[in-house]
Amino acid sequence: MVDIIIGSLGPLGPPLGKPAPAGGPVEAELLHIRDPRQRIVGPLGQERRKQARRDPATGKVLTLLIADSSTLPKDLDIKKYKVVLRFIKR
């Protein structure tokens, strides 16, 4: 039996001997766009989510794929960083 893999990616991880740039641009692929979450009420009239949060009604939720994770900060955390996006038309 022979495994034929078409279009596979190279090994993931930081390139050897190349430090990650600090605060530089990170290229991402936009995978999905959806409307914001709506309030979800459980059977007892309480919010079912663990974190009560209201998304803005005019907001959108974007799903991004970062192909090279070595460009991301090592200490990436939602409480430590703010994300700024710049869209470039293809």
Protein backbone atom coordinates (compact mmCIF):
# COMPACT_ATOMS: atom_id res chain seq x y z
CA MET A 1 0.00 0.00 0.00
CA VAL A 2 1.28 3.46 -0.93
CA ASP A 3 0.12 6.75 0.59
CA ILE A 4 -0.11 9.55 -1.94
CA ILE A 5 -0.41 13.00 -0.38
CA ILE A 6 -1.18 15.86 -2.73
CA GLY A 7 -0.73 19.45 -1.63
CA SER A 8 0.64 18.73 1.82
CA LEU A 9 2.22 21.46 3.92
CA GLY A 10 5.82 21.50 5.02
CA PRO A 11 6.71 20.86 8.65
CA LEU A 12 5.03 23.32 11.01
CA GLY A 13 6.87 25.31 13.63
CA PRO A 14 9.30 28.19 13.76
CA PRO A 15 12.03 28.20 11.15
CA LEU A 16 15.37 27.15 12.57
CA GLY A 17 17.73 30.02 13.34
CA LYS A 18 15.20 32.72 12.40
CA PRO A 19 13.75 34.80 15.26
CA ALA A 20 10.10 35.87 15.05
CA PRO A 21 9.60 39.55 14.21
CA ALA A 22 8.25 41.64 17.08
CA GLY A 23 5.10 43.59 16.27
CA GLY A 24 5.41 43.15 12.52
CA PRO A 25 2.57 42.38 10.10
CA VAL A 26 1.08 38.89 10.21
CA GLU A 27 -0.50 37.48 7.07
CA ALA A 28 -3.78 35.60 7.53
CA GLU A 29 -6.41 33.92 5.37
CA LEU A 30 -10.04 34.85 5.98
CA LEU A 31 -11.94 31.56 6.37
CA HIS A 32 -15.44 32.57 7.46
CA ILE A 33 -17.62 35.59 8.29
CA ARG A 34 -20.77 35.36 10.40
CA ASP A 35 -23.17 37.58 12.30
CA PRO A 36 -22.63 38.24 16.01
CA ARG A 37 -23.90 35.87 18.67
CA GLN A 38 -27.42 36.29 19.88
CA ARG A 39 -28.49 35.88 23.49
CA ILE A 40 -29.07 32.23 24.36
CA VAL A 41 -31.56 31.63 27.14
CA GLY A 42 -31.64 28.25 28.86
CA PRO A 43 -34.71 26.43 30.20
CA LEU A 44 -34.59 28.31 33.52
CA GLY A 45 -34.39 31.72 31.87
CA GLN A 46 -30.66 32.09 32.55
CA GLU A 47 -27.84 32.65 30.12
CA ARG A 48 -26.33 29.29 29.11
CA ARG A 49 -22.87 30.61 28.31
CA LYS A 50 -20.21 30.62 31.01
CA GLN A 51 -19.15 34.18 30.23
CA ALA A 52 -22.06 36.57 29.88
CA ARG A 53 -21.12 38.72 26.89
CA ARG A 54 -23.04 40.81 24.42
CA ASP A 55 -21.65 41.17 20.92
CA PRO A 56 -22.40 44.48 19.19
CA ALA A 57 -25.45 44.22 16.91
CA THR A 58 -23.50 45.78 14.02
CA GLY A 59 -20.46 43.53 14.54
CA LYS A 60 -19.19 40.58 12.51
CA VAL A 61 -17.24 37.54 13.68
CA LEU A 62 -14.27 36.64 11.49
CA THR A 63 -12.43 33.32 11.47
CA LEU A 64 -8.78 33.72 10.46
CA LEU A 65 -6.06 31.21 9.62
CA ILE A 66 -2.46 32.21 10.40
CA ALA A 67 -0.34 29.91 8.21
CA ASP A 68 2.99 30.68 9.92
CA SER A 69 2.49 30.66 13.68
CA SER A 70 6.09 31.69 14.28
CA THR A 71 5.06 35.28 13.41
CA LEU A 72 2.73 35.39 16.42
CA PRO A 73 3.98 36.63 19.82
CA LYS A 74 5.10 33.82 22.11
CA ASP A 75 2.98 35.17 25.01
CA LEU A 76 -0.20 35.64 22.94
CA ASP A 77 -3.22 36.06 25.21
CA ILE A 78 -6.58 37.80 24.76
CA LYS A 79 -5.95 39.95 27.81
CA LYS A 80 -2.47 41.12 26.73
CA TYR A 81 -2.96 41.98 23.06
CA LYS A 82 -5.23 44.04 20.81
CA VAL A 83 -5.58 43.08 17.14
CA VAL A 84 -5.58 45.67 14.36
CA LEU A 85 -6.60 44.47 10.89
CA ARG A 86 -5.76 45.86 7.47
CA PHE A 87 -7.63 44.44 4.50
CA ILE A 88 -5.97 44.29 1.07
CA LYS A 89 -8.09 43.42 -1.97
CA ARG A 90 -6.80 40.51 -4.09
